[in-house]
Amino acid sequence: MSISVLIADDHAVVRDGLRLLLECQSDIRVVDLVADGRAAVEAVLRLKPDVVIMDLAMPLLNGVDATAQILDKQPDSRIVMLSMHSTVEHVFRALQAGALGYLRKESAGSEVVDAVRVVHSGRRYLSHKITESVVDDYVRKRADESPLDSLSQREREILQLLVEGRSGIEIARQLNISPKTVDTYRSRMMQKLGIADLPSLVKFALQHGLTPL
């Protein structure tokens, strides 16, 4: 039986390129392509693919939080994170959310087929330039040191939408909460992060891969 794969990336050229590479394999079929994190969550829950290739930085909902939401509702999902970032913190956040694989975009073309097969078998796959021992050491020693750990999932969602330019009313409509609740979350997370203005919030979000902007 072939391995069903869903690809989530906000760049059409990346989605199409990965699809072409994967569909050349007789044991792999691509079931859908989506361009943002919310669409990824919806598509995975609807289609139940064997493996998801998930871009880390996508609009509306980043890949890390999308991964956490998917695994909360569908724990058997196998997810490979795809990113241009290769810092240990980015890798750690992806693995902490439950991703089984992590691919650097620059090497995805040569590694994606192996990554899909390895992750489908239930094993971890990391790009060759990322050593598993380094990541394991980081997971053991620094599990609570990322400033993002102080934020709830809802606060991270609102943070991403804020830095992507959504108004309080738009965010409230998107998340089915009141504008006043959005303001409360915004004040609370800025206090937690020690950030006093929107430009600093945008810089923080970019540094931590929460948004593709």
N, C-alpha and C. Protein backbone atom coordinates (compact mmCIF):
# COMPACT_ATOMS: atom_id res chain seq x y z
N MET A 1 0.85 -1.20 0.00
CA MET A 1 0.00 0.00 0.00
C MET A 1 0.88 1.25 0.00
N SER A 2 0.51 2.25 -0.80
CA SER A 2 1.33 3.45 -0.91
C SER A 2 1.20 4.34 0.32
N ILE A 3 2.21 5.19 0.52
CA ILE A 3 2.23 6.14 1.63
C ILE A 3 1.54 7.42 1.18
N SER A 4 0.47 7.82 1.86
CA SER A 4 -0.23 9.05 1.50
C SER A 4 0.42 10.24 2.20
N VAL A 5 0.63 11.32 1.45
CA VAL A 5 1.36 12.48 1.96
C VAL A 5 0.58 13.76 1.70
N LEU A 6 0.54 14.64 2.69
CA LEU A 6 -0.02 15.98 2.52
C LEU A 6 1.12 16.98 2.66
N ILE A 7 1.17 17.97 1.78
CA ILE A 7 2.23 18.98 1.79
C ILE A 7 1.65 20.33 2.17
N ALA A 8 2.21 20.95 3.21
CA ALA A 8 1.76 22.27 3.66
C ALA A 8 2.92 23.25 3.60
N ASP A 9 2.83 24.21 2.68
CA ASP A 9 3.88 25.23 2.53
C ASP A 9 3.25 26.44 1.85
N ASP A 10 3.63 27.64 2.28
CA ASP A 10 3.00 28.82 1.70
C ASP A 10 3.65 29.27 0.40
N HIS A 11 4.65 28.56 -0.09
CA HIS A 11 5.26 28.88 -1.38
C HIS A 11 4.87 27.82 -2.41
N ALA A 12 4.19 28.26 -3.46
CA ALA A 12 3.70 27.32 -4.47
C ALA A 12 4.84 26.54 -5.12
N VAL A 13 5.98 27.19 -5.34
CA VAL A 13 7.09 26.51 -6.01
C VAL A 13 7.62 25.36 -5.14
N VAL A 14 7.60 25.54 -3.83
CA VAL A 14 8.04 24.47 -2.92
C VAL A 14 7.03 23.33 -2.93
N ARG A 15 5.75 23.67 -2.82
CA ARG A 15 4.71 22.63 -2.83
C ARG A 15 4.79 21.80 -4.11
N ASP A 16 4.86 22.49 -5.24
CA ASP A 16 4.86 21.78 -6.53
C ASP A 16 6.14 20.96 -6.71
N GLY A 17 7.26 21.51 -6.27
CA GLY A 17 8.52 20.78 -6.40
C GLY A 17 8.54 19.51 -5.58
N LEU A 18 8.07 19.60 -4.34
CA LEU A 18 8.02 18.42 -3.49
C LEU A 18 7.04 17.39 -4.03
N ARG A 19 5.92 17.87 -4.54
CA ARG A 19 4.93 16.94 -5.10
C ARG A 19 5.53 16.16 -6.27
N LEU A 20 6.24 16.84 -7.16
CA LEU A 20 6.84 16.17 -8.31
C LEU A 20 7.86 15.12 -7.86
N LEU A 21 8.67 15.48 -6.87
CA LEU A 21 9.68 14.53 -6.37
C LEU A 21 9.02 13.29 -5.77
N LEU A 22 7.97 13.51 -4.98
CA LEU A 22 7.33 12.39 -4.29
C LEU A 22 6.51 11.52 -5.24
N GLU A 23 5.85 12.14 -6.20
CA GLU A 23 4.99 11.37 -7.09
C GLU A 23 5.78 10.55 -8.11
N CYS A 24 7.10 10.76 -8.16
CA CYS A 24 7.95 9.90 -9.00
C CYS A 24 8.19 8.55 -8.34
N GLN A 25 7.82 8.44 -7.06
CA GLN A 25 8.03 7.20 -6.32
C GLN A 25 6.78 6.33 -6.39
N SER A 26 6.96 5.06 -6.67
CA SER A 26 5.81 4.17 -6.84
C SER A 26 5.08 3.90 -5.53
N ASP A 27 5.76 4.13 -4.39
CA ASP A 27 5.14 3.81 -3.10
C ASP A 27 4.63 5.05 -2.36
N ILE A 28 4.59 6.21 -3.03
CA ILE A 28 4.16 7.45 -2.38
C ILE A 28 3.14 8.16 -3.26
N ARG A 29 2.07 8.67 -2.65
CA ARG A 29 1.10 9.48 -3.39
C ARG A 29 0.76 10.73 -2.58
N VAL A 30 0.68 11.86 -3.24
CA VAL A 30 0.36 13.13 -2.59
C VAL A 30 -1.15 13.33 -2.65
N VAL A 31 -1.78 13.51 -1.49
CA VAL A 31 -3.24 13.60 -1.44
C VAL A 31 -3.76 15.04 -1.43
N ASP A 32 -2.90 16.00 -1.03
CA ASP A 32 -3.37 17.39 -1.03
C ASP A 32 -2.19 18.33 -0.84
N LEU A 33 -2.38 19.58 -1.28
CA LEU A 33 -1.42 20.67 -1.09
C LEU A 33 -2.16 21.82 -0.43
N VAL A 34 -1.61 22.38 0.64
CA VAL A 34 -2.24 23.52 1.31
C VAL A 34 -1.19 24.59 1.58
N ALA A 35 -1.66 25.83 1.83
CA ALA A 35 -0.74 26.97 1.89
C ALA A 35 -0.66 27.66 3.24
N ASP A 36 -1.40 27.20 4.25
CA ASP A 36 -1.28 27.82 5.57
C ASP A 36 -1.56 26.78 6.65
N GLY A 37 -1.22 27.15 7.89
CA GLY A 37 -1.32 26.19 8.98
C GLY A 37 -2.74 25.76 9.31
N ARG A 38 -3.68 26.68 9.25
CA ARG A 38 -5.07 26.32 9.55
C ARG A 38 -5.62 25.35 8.51
N ALA A 39 -5.30 25.62 7.24
CA ALA A 39 -5.74 24.70 6.18
C ALA A 39 -5.10 23.33 6.36
N ALA A 40 -3.86 23.31 6.86
CA ALA A 40 -3.18 22.03 7.09
C ALA A 40 -3.90 21.21 8.15
N VAL A 41 -4.27 21.86 9.25
CA VAL A 41 -4.98 21.15 10.32
C VAL A 41 -6.29 20.57 9.79
N GLU A 42 -7.05 21.40 9.08
CA GLU A 42 -8.34 20.95 8.54
C GLU A 42 -8.17 19.79 7.56
N ALA A 43 -7.17 19.91 6.67
CA ALA A 43 -6.97 18.88 5.65
C ALA A 43 -6.50 17.56 6.26
N VAL A 44 -5.63 17.64 7.25
CA VAL A 44 -5.14 16.41 7.88
C VAL A 44 -6.27 15.69 8.60
N LEU A 45 -7.10 16.43 9.32
CA LEU A 45 -8.20 15.79 10.04
C LEU A 45 -9.23 15.20 9.08
N ARG A 46 -9.34 15.81 7.91
CA ARG A 46 -10.31 15.32 6.92
C ARG A 46 -9.77 14.14 6.11
N LEU A 47 -8.50 14.23 5.69
CA LEU A 47 -7.94 13.23 4.77
C LEU A 47 -7.15 12.13 5.47
N LYS A 48 -6.67 12.42 6.69
CA LYS A 48 -5.88 11.46 7.47
C LYS A 48 -4.71 10.86 6.67
N PRO A 49 -3.82 11.71 6.16
CA PRO A 49 -2.66 11.19 5.43
C PRO A 49 -1.69 10.46 6.36
N ASP A 50 -0.88 9.58 5.79
CA ASP A 50 0.11 8.86 6.59
C ASP A 50 1.21 9.79 7.09
N VAL A 51 1.63 10.72 6.22
CA VAL A 51 2.73 11.63 6.55
C VAL A 51 2.35 13.05 6.12
N VAL A 52 2.73 14.02 6.94
CA VAL A 52 2.52 15.43 6.62
C VAL A 52 3.88 16.11 6.52
N ILE A 53 4.11 16.82 5.43
CA ILE A 53 5.30 17.67 5.31
C ILE A 53 4.85 19.09 5.62
N MET A 54 5.34 19.64 6.71
CA MET A 54 4.81 20.89 7.27
C MET A 54 5.87 21.98 7.32
N ASP A 55 5.64 23.07 6.59
CA ASP A 55 6.53 24.22 6.67
C ASP A 55 6.45 24.82 8.07
N LEU A 56 7.59 25.22 8.62
CA LEU A 56 7.60 25.77 9.97
C LEU A 56 6.93 27.14 10.02
N ALA A 57 7.24 28.02 9.06
CA ALA A 57 6.72 29.39 9.09
C ALA A 57 5.68 29.57 8.00
N MET A 58 4.40 29.57 8.41
CA MET A 58 3.30 29.76 7.46
C MET A 58 2.32 30.79 8.01
N PRO A 59 1.54 31.43 7.14
CA PRO A 59 0.56 32.40 7.61
C PRO A 59 -0.60 31.74 8.37
N LEU A 60 -1.29 32.55 9.16
CA LEU A 60 -2.47 32.18 9.95
C LEU A 60 -2.15 31.26 11.13
N LEU A 61 -1.33 30.25 10.91
CA LEU A 61 -0.93 29.35 12.01
C LEU A 61 0.40 28.73 11.62
N ASN A 62 1.42 28.90 12.47
CA ASN A 62 2.74 28.37 12.12
C ASN A 62 2.77 26.85 12.22
N GLY A 63 3.80 26.26 11.63
CA GLY A 63 3.88 24.81 11.56
C GLY A 63 3.99 24.10 12.89
N VAL A 64 4.65 24.73 13.86
CA VAL A 64 4.79 24.11 15.18
C VAL A 64 3.44 23.99 15.87
N ASP A 65 2.67 25.08 15.88
CA ASP A 65 1.36 25.04 16.54
C ASP A 65 0.37 24.19 15.75
N ALA A 66 0.49 24.21 14.42
CA ALA A 66 -0.37 23.34 13.61
C ALA A 66 -0.08 21.87 13.92
N THR A 67 1.20 21.54 14.09
CA THR A 67 1.58 20.17 14.44
C THR A 67 0.98 19.77 15.78
N ALA A 68 1.08 20.65 16.76
CA ALA A 68 0.53 20.35 18.09
C ALA A 68 -0.98 20.14 18.03
N GLN A 69 -1.67 20.97 17.25
CA GLN A 69 -3.13 20.82 17.13
C GLN A 69 -3.50 19.52 16.44
N ILE A 70 -2.76 19.16 15.41
CA ILE A 70 -3.04 17.91 14.69
C ILE A 70 -2.84 16.71 15.60
N LEU A 71 -1.72 16.68 16.31
CA LEU A 71 -1.42 15.53 17.15
C LEU A 71 -2.34 15.44 18.36
N ASP A 72 -2.87 16.57 18.78
CA ASP A 72 -3.84 16.55 19.88
C ASP A 72 -5.11 15.82 19.47
N LYS A 73 -5.49 15.98 18.19
CA LYS A 73 -6.73 15.37 17.70
C LYS A 73 -6.49 14.07 16.95
N GLN A 74 -5.28 13.91 16.43
CA GLN A 74 -4.96 12.71 15.65
C GLN A 74 -3.54 12.26 15.98
N PRO A 75 -3.36 11.62 17.13
CA PRO A 75 -2.03 11.32 17.67
C PRO A 75 -1.15 10.44 16.78
N ASP A 76 -1.75 9.69 15.87
CA ASP A 76 -0.96 8.79 15.03
C ASP A 76 -0.33 9.48 13.81
N SER A 77 -0.60 10.76 13.63
CA SER A 77 -0.05 11.48 12.48
C SER A 77 1.48 11.52 12.55
N ARG A 78 2.12 11.36 11.41
CA ARG A 78 3.58 11.43 11.31
C ARG A 78 3.93 12.71 10.56
N ILE A 79 4.66 13.60 11.20
CA ILE A 79 4.89 14.93 10.64
C ILE A 79 6.38 15.21 10.46
N VAL A 80 6.72 15.71 9.28
CA VAL A 80 8.08 16.15 8.97
C VAL A 80 8.06 17.67 8.86
N MET A 81 8.82 18.36 9.71
CA MET A 81 8.88 19.81 9.64
C MET A 81 9.88 20.23 8.58
N LEU A 82 9.51 21.26 7.82
CA LEU A 82 10.34 21.77 6.74
C LEU A 82 10.66 23.23 7.05
N SER A 83 11.95 23.60 7.01
CA SER A 83 12.29 24.97 7.38
C SER A 83 13.60 25.42 6.78
N MET A 84 13.71 26.74 6.58
CA MET A 84 14.97 27.33 6.17
C MET A 84 15.87 27.55 7.39
N HIS A 85 15.28 27.44 8.59
CA HIS A 85 16.04 27.61 9.83
C HIS A 85 16.62 26.28 10.29
N SER A 86 17.82 26.33 10.84
CA SER A 86 18.41 25.09 11.36
C SER A 86 19.03 25.30 12.73
N THR A 87 18.61 26.37 13.44
CA THR A 87 19.12 26.55 14.79
C THR A 87 18.55 25.45 15.68
N VAL A 88 19.26 25.17 16.75
CA VAL A 88 18.83 24.10 17.63
C VAL A 88 17.46 24.42 18.23
N GLU A 89 17.20 25.69 18.51
CA GLU A 89 15.90 26.04 19.09
C GLU A 89 14.76 25.71 18.14
N HIS A 90 14.93 26.03 16.85
CA HIS A 90 13.87 25.72 15.88
C HIS A 90 13.63 24.21 15.79
N VAL A 91 14.72 23.46 15.75
CA VAL A 91 14.59 22.00 15.69
C VAL A 91 13.91 21.48 16.95
N PHE A 92 14.34 21.99 18.09
CA PHE A 92 13.77 21.54 19.36
C PHE A 92 12.28 21.82 19.43
N ARG A 93 11.86 23.03 19.03
CA ARG A 93 10.44 23.38 19.10
C ARG A 93 9.61 22.44 18.23
N ALA A 94 10.14 22.09 17.06
CA ALA A 94 9.41 21.18 16.17
C ALA A 94 9.27 19.80 16.80
N LEU A 95 10.36 19.29 17.36
CA LEU A 95 10.33 17.95 17.97
C LEU A 95 9.49 17.95 19.24
N GLN A 96 9.56 19.04 20.00
CA GLN A 96 8.76 19.14 21.22
C GLN A 96 7.27 19.12 20.89
N ALA A 97 6.90 19.72 19.75
CA ALA A 97 5.49 19.73 19.34
C ALA A 97 5.03 18.35 18.88
N GLY A 98 5.99 17.47 18.56
CA GLY A 98 5.62 16.12 18.17
C GLY A 98 6.05 15.70 16.77
N ALA A 99 6.72 16.60 16.03
CA ALA A 99 7.20 16.22 14.70
C ALA A 99 8.23 15.10 14.82
N LEU A 100 8.19 14.16 13.90
CA LEU A 100 9.16 13.06 13.89
C LEU A 100 10.36 13.38 13.01
N GLY A 101 10.21 14.34 12.11
CA GLY A 101 11.30 14.67 11.21
C GLY A 101 11.51 16.17 11.10
N TYR A 102 12.71 16.55 10.66
CA TYR A 102 13.03 17.96 10.45
C TYR A 102 13.95 18.05 9.24
N LEU A 103 13.48 18.76 8.21
CA LEU A 103 14.25 18.91 6.97
C LEU A 103 14.61 20.37 6.74
N ARG A 104 15.85 20.62 6.40
CA ARG A 104 16.24 21.95 5.94
C ARG A 104 15.76 22.10 4.49
N LYS A 105 15.21 23.26 4.17
CA LYS A 105 14.68 23.46 2.82
C LYS A 105 15.77 23.32 1.76
N GLU A 106 16.98 23.73 2.10
CA GLU A 106 18.05 23.68 1.10
C GLU A 106 18.42 22.26 0.70
N SER A 107 18.11 21.29 1.56
CA SER A 107 18.45 19.91 1.24
C SER A 107 17.22 19.02 1.08
N ALA A 108 16.03 19.64 1.11
CA ALA A 108 14.79 18.85 1.06
C ALA A 108 14.68 18.05 -0.23
N GLY A 109 15.15 18.61 -1.34
CA GLY A 109 15.02 17.91 -2.61
C GLY A 109 15.70 16.56 -2.63
N SER A 110 16.85 16.48 -1.95
CA SER A 110 17.60 15.22 -1.95
C SER A 110 17.22 14.29 -0.81
N GLU A 111 16.50 14.82 0.19
CA GLU A 111 16.22 14.02 1.38
C GLU A 111 14.75 13.71 1.61
N VAL A 112 13.84 14.39 0.91
CA VAL A 112 12.43 14.29 1.27
C VAL A 112 11.87 12.88 1.11
N VAL A 113 12.30 12.16 0.09
CA VAL A 113 11.78 10.80 -0.11
C VAL A 113 12.20 9.89 1.04
N ASP A 114 13.48 9.95 1.41
CA ASP A 114 13.94 9.16 2.55
C ASP A 114 13.22 9.57 3.83
N ALA A 115 13.03 10.88 4.01
CA ALA A 115 12.38 11.37 5.22
C ALA A 115 10.96 10.82 5.34
N VAL A 116 10.22 10.83 4.25
CA VAL A 116 8.85 10.32 4.27
C VAL A 116 8.82 8.85 4.65
N ARG A 117 9.70 8.07 4.05
CA ARG A 117 9.71 6.62 4.34
C ARG A 117 10.14 6.33 5.77
N VAL A 118 11.15 7.04 6.25
CA VAL A 118 11.64 6.80 7.60
C VAL A 118 10.59 7.19 8.64
N VAL A 119 10.01 8.37 8.48
CA VAL A 119 9.00 8.83 9.43
C VAL A 119 7.76 7.95 9.39
N HIS A 120 7.39 7.51 8.20
CA HIS A 120 6.24 6.61 8.07
C HIS A 120 6.45 5.31 8.86
N SER A 121 7.71 4.90 8.98
CA SER A 121 8.02 3.67 9.73
C SER A 121 8.05 3.91 11.24
N GLY A 122 7.87 5.19 11.64
CA GLY A 122 7.83 5.50 13.06
C GLY A 122 9.14 5.94 13.66
N ARG A 123 10.15 6.15 12.80
CA ARG A 123 11.46 6.57 13.28
C ARG A 123 11.70 8.06 13.01
N ARG A 124 12.61 8.65 13.75
CA ARG A 124 12.94 10.07 13.58
C ARG A 124 13.85 10.27 12.38
N TYR A 125 13.64 11.38 11.66
CA TYR A 125 14.53 11.72 10.55
C TYR A 125 14.93 13.19 10.68
N LEU A 126 16.24 13.44 10.71
CA LEU A 126 16.76 14.80 10.75
C LEU A 126 17.68 15.01 9.56
N SER A 127 17.64 16.21 8.98
CA SER A 127 18.56 16.53 7.90
C SER A 127 19.99 16.20 8.31
N HIS A 128 20.80 15.83 7.33
CA HIS A 128 22.14 15.33 7.62
C HIS A 128 23.00 16.33 8.39
N LYS A 129 22.74 17.62 8.23
CA LYS A 129 23.56 18.62 8.91
C LYS A 129 23.15 18.82 10.37
N ILE A 130 22.08 18.17 10.78
CA ILE A 130 21.62 18.29 12.17
C ILE A 130 21.87 16.96 12.86
N THR A 131 22.74 16.94 13.83
CA THR A 131 23.06 15.68 14.49
C THR A 131 22.05 15.39 15.59
N GLU A 132 21.58 14.17 15.62
CA GLU A 132 20.55 13.79 16.59
C GLU A 132 21.05 13.91 18.02
N SER A 133 22.33 13.65 18.23
CA SER A 133 22.86 13.72 19.59
C SER A 133 22.79 15.13 20.14
N VAL A 134 23.04 16.13 19.28
CA VAL A 134 22.97 17.52 19.71
C VAL A 134 21.54 17.87 20.09
N VAL A 135 20.59 17.45 19.26
CA VAL A 135 19.18 17.74 19.55
C VAL A 135 18.74 17.05 20.83
N ASP A 136 19.10 15.78 21.01
CA ASP A 136 18.71 15.06 22.22
C ASP A 136 19.26 15.75 23.46
N ASP A 137 20.49 16.22 23.37
CA ASP A 137 21.11 16.91 24.50
C ASP A 137 20.35 18.20 24.81
N TYR A 138 19.96 18.91 23.77
CA TYR A 138 19.23 20.15 23.96
C TYR A 138 17.86 19.89 24.59
N VAL A 139 17.19 18.83 24.13
CA VAL A 139 15.88 18.48 24.67
C VAL A 139 15.99 18.18 26.16
N ARG A 140 17.03 17.48 26.56
CA ARG A 140 17.20 17.12 27.97
C ARG A 140 17.49 18.34 28.83
N LYS A 141 18.35 19.23 28.34
CA LYS A 141 18.87 20.30 29.18
C LYS A 141 18.08 21.59 29.12
N ARG A 142 17.35 21.82 28.01
CA ARG A 142 16.77 23.14 27.83
C ARG A 142 15.28 23.12 27.54
N ALA A 143 14.59 22.11 28.04
CA ALA A 143 13.17 21.94 27.72
C ALA A 143 12.32 23.13 28.15
N ASP A 144 12.77 23.87 29.16
CA ASP A 144 11.94 24.96 29.68
C ASP A 144 12.54 26.35 29.44
N GLU A 145 13.52 26.47 28.55
CA GLU A 145 14.23 27.73 28.44
C GLU A 145 13.78 28.64 27.30
N SER A 146 12.96 28.16 26.38
CA SER A 146 12.50 29.03 25.31
C SER A 146 11.45 30.00 25.84
N PRO A 147 11.55 31.29 25.50
CA PRO A 147 10.53 32.24 25.96
C PRO A 147 9.14 31.90 25.45
N LEU A 148 9.05 31.14 24.36
CA LEU A 148 7.74 30.74 23.85
C LEU A 148 7.03 29.78 24.79
N ASP A 149 7.81 29.09 25.64
CA ASP A 149 7.20 28.14 26.56
C ASP A 149 6.29 28.82 27.57
N SER A 150 6.51 30.12 27.79
CA SER A 150 5.69 30.84 28.77
C SER A 150 4.32 31.21 28.20
N LEU A 151 4.16 31.07 26.87
CA LEU A 151 2.90 31.43 26.23
C LEU A 151 2.02 30.21 26.03
N SER A 152 0.72 30.40 26.18
CA SER A 152 -0.23 29.33 25.88
C SER A 152 -0.39 29.22 24.37
N GLN A 153 -1.01 28.13 23.93
CA GLN A 153 -1.23 27.96 22.49
C GLN A 153 -2.08 29.09 21.93
N ARG A 154 -3.10 29.52 22.68
CA ARG A 154 -3.96 30.61 22.23
C ARG A 154 -3.17 31.91 22.13
N GLU A 155 -2.29 32.16 23.09
CA GLU A 155 -1.47 33.37 23.04
C GLU A 155 -0.54 33.36 21.83
N ARG A 156 0.01 32.20 21.50
CA ARG A 156 0.87 32.11 20.31
C ARG A 156 0.07 32.35 19.03
N GLU A 157 -1.16 31.82 18.98
CA GLU A 157 -2.01 32.06 17.82
C GLU A 157 -2.27 33.56 17.64
N ILE A 158 -2.62 34.23 18.73
CA ILE A 158 -2.92 35.66 18.66
C ILE A 158 -1.66 36.45 18.32
N LEU A 159 -0.53 36.05 18.88
CA LEU A 159 0.73 36.71 18.56
C LEU A 159 1.00 36.65 17.06
N GLN A 160 0.85 35.47 16.47
CA GLN A 160 1.12 35.34 15.04
C GLN A 160 0.18 36.21 14.22
N LEU A 161 -1.10 36.19 14.54
CA LEU A 161 -2.07 36.97 13.77
C LEU A 161 -1.82 38.48 13.94
N LEU A 162 -1.41 38.89 15.13
CA LEU A 162 -1.09 40.31 15.36
C LEU A 162 0.06 40.77 14.48
N VAL A 163 1.14 40.00 14.47
CA VAL A 163 2.32 40.43 13.72
C VAL A 163 2.10 40.30 12.21
N GLU A 164 1.08 39.54 11.81
CA GLU A 164 0.73 39.46 10.39
C GLU A 164 -0.22 40.58 9.98
N GLY A 165 -0.51 41.49 10.92
CA GLY A 165 -1.27 42.69 10.58
C GLY A 165 -2.77 42.61 10.79
N ARG A 166 -3.26 41.54 11.43
CA ARG A 166 -4.70 41.44 11.67
C ARG A 166 -5.11 42.37 12.81
N SER A 167 -6.27 42.97 12.69
CA SER A 167 -6.81 43.83 13.75
C SER A 167 -7.41 42.96 14.85
N GLY A 168 -7.69 43.61 15.99
CA GLY A 168 -8.31 42.87 17.09
C GLY A 168 -9.65 42.28 16.69
N ILE A 169 -10.42 43.02 15.89
CA ILE A 169 -11.72 42.53 15.44
C ILE A 169 -11.56 41.34 14.50
N GLU A 170 -10.58 41.42 13.59
CA GLU A 170 -10.34 40.30 12.66
C GLU A 170 -9.89 39.05 13.40
N ILE A 171 -9.03 39.23 14.40
CA ILE A 171 -8.55 38.09 15.18
C ILE A 171 -9.71 37.46 15.96
N ALA A 172 -10.54 38.32 16.55
CA ALA A 172 -11.69 37.82 17.31
C ALA A 172 -12.60 36.98 16.42
N ARG A 173 -12.83 37.47 15.20
CA ARG A 173 -13.69 36.74 14.26
C ARG A 173 -13.03 35.41 13.85
N GLN A 174 -11.72 35.44 13.61
CA GLN A 174 -10.99 34.24 13.19
C GLN A 174 -11.03 33.15 14.26
N LEU A 175 -10.90 33.56 15.53
CA LEU A 175 -10.79 32.60 16.63
C LEU A 175 -12.09 32.41 17.41
N ASN A 176 -13.15 33.09 16.97
CA ASN A 176 -14.45 32.98 17.63
C ASN A 176 -14.40 33.38 19.11
N ILE A 177 -13.73 34.51 19.36
CA ILE A 177 -13.69 35.09 20.70
C ILE A 177 -14.02 36.57 20.59
N SER A 178 -14.18 37.26 21.70
CA SER A 178 -14.53 38.68 21.66
C SER A 178 -13.28 39.55 21.49
N PRO A 179 -13.43 40.76 20.90
CA PRO A 179 -12.28 41.68 20.79
C PRO A 179 -11.67 42.00 22.16
N LYS A 180 -12.50 42.08 23.18
CA LYS A 180 -11.98 42.36 24.53
C LYS A 180 -11.07 41.23 25.00
N THR A 181 -11.45 40.00 24.67
CA THR A 181 -10.62 38.85 25.04
C THR A 181 -9.29 38.89 24.30
N VAL A 182 -9.32 39.31 23.04
CA VAL A 182 -8.08 39.47 22.27
C VAL A 182 -7.16 40.47 22.95
N ASP A 183 -7.72 41.60 23.39
CA ASP A 183 -6.92 42.62 24.07
C ASP A 183 -6.31 42.08 25.36
N THR A 184 -7.09 41.27 26.07
CA THR A 184 -6.59 40.68 27.32
C THR A 184 -5.41 39.75 27.04
N TYR A 185 -5.56 38.89 26.03
CA TYR A 185 -4.48 37.98 25.66
C TYR A 185 -3.24 38.77 25.23
N ARG A 186 -3.45 39.82 24.44
CA ARG A 186 -2.32 40.61 23.94
C ARG A 186 -1.55 41.24 25.09
N SER A 187 -2.25 41.84 26.03
CA SER A 187 -1.60 42.48 27.18
C SER A 187 -0.84 41.45 28.01
N ARG A 188 -1.46 40.29 28.20
CA ARG A 188 -0.85 39.25 29.03
C ARG A 188 0.43 38.72 28.40
N MET A 189 0.39 38.45 27.09
CA MET A 189 1.58 37.86 26.47
C MET A 189 2.71 38.88 26.35
N MET A 190 2.38 40.15 26.12
CA MET A 190 3.43 41.16 26.05
C MET A 190 4.10 41.35 27.41
N GLN A 191 3.30 41.22 28.46
CA GLN A 191 3.86 41.29 29.81
C GLN A 191 4.77 40.09 30.07
N LYS A 192 4.33 38.90 29.67
CA LYS A 192 5.15 37.70 29.86
C LYS A 192 6.48 37.80 29.13
N LEU A 193 6.45 38.37 27.92
CA LEU A 193 7.65 38.44 27.09
C LEU A 193 8.51 39.67 27.39
N GLY A 194 7.96 40.60 28.17
CA GLY A 194 8.69 41.83 28.45
C GLY A 194 8.82 42.72 27.23
N ILE A 195 7.79 42.70 26.38
CA ILE A 195 7.79 43.48 25.13
C ILE A 195 6.71 44.55 25.23
N ALA A 196 7.09 45.79 24.84
CA ALA A 196 6.17 46.91 25.07
C ALA A 196 5.54 47.47 23.80
N ASP A 197 6.02 47.07 22.61
CA ASP A 197 5.47 47.66 21.39
C ASP A 197 5.41 46.63 20.27
N LEU A 198 4.61 46.94 19.24
CA LEU A 198 4.39 46.00 18.15
C LEU A 198 5.65 45.71 17.33
N PRO A 199 6.50 46.71 16.99
CA PRO A 199 7.72 46.39 16.24
C PRO A 199 8.60 45.35 16.94
N SER A 200 8.71 45.46 18.26
CA SER A 200 9.51 44.48 19.02
C SER A 200 8.84 43.11 19.00
N LEU A 201 7.51 43.12 18.99
CA LEU A 201 6.76 41.86 18.93
C LEU A 201 6.98 41.18 17.58
N VAL A 202 6.98 41.97 16.51
CA VAL A 202 7.24 41.43 15.17
C VAL A 202 8.64 40.83 15.10
N LYS A 203 9.62 41.55 15.64
CA LYS A 203 11.00 41.05 15.64
C LYS A 203 11.10 39.73 16.40
N PHE A 204 10.43 39.65 17.54
CA PHE A 204 10.44 38.43 18.34
C PHE A 204 9.84 37.26 17.56
N ALA A 205 8.70 37.51 16.90
CA ALA A 205 8.02 36.46 16.15
C ALA A 205 8.89 35.95 15.00
N LEU A 206 9.58 36.85 14.32
CA LEU A 206 10.46 36.44 13.22
C LEU A 206 11.64 35.62 13.73
N GLN A 207 12.22 36.04 14.84
CA GLN A 207 13.37 35.34 15.40
C GLN A 207 13.03 33.91 15.80
N HIS A 208 11.78 33.70 16.19
CA HIS A 208 11.38 32.39 16.69
C HIS A 208 10.55 31.60 15.68
N GLY A 209 10.52 32.07 14.43
CA GLY A 209 9.89 31.29 13.37
C GLY A 209 8.39 31.16 13.46
N LEU A 210 7.72 32.14 14.09
CA LEU A 210 6.27 32.06 14.24
C LEU A 210 5.52 32.52 13.00
N THR A 211 6.18 33.26 12.13
CA THR A 211 5.51 33.81 10.97
C THR A 211 6.47 33.85 9.79
N PRO A 212 5.97 33.70 8.56
CA PRO A 212 6.84 33.74 7.38
C PRO A 212 7.15 35.14 6.90
N LEU A 213 6.64 36.18 7.56
CA LEU A 213 6.84 37.56 7.09
C LEU A 213 8.31 37.91 7.04
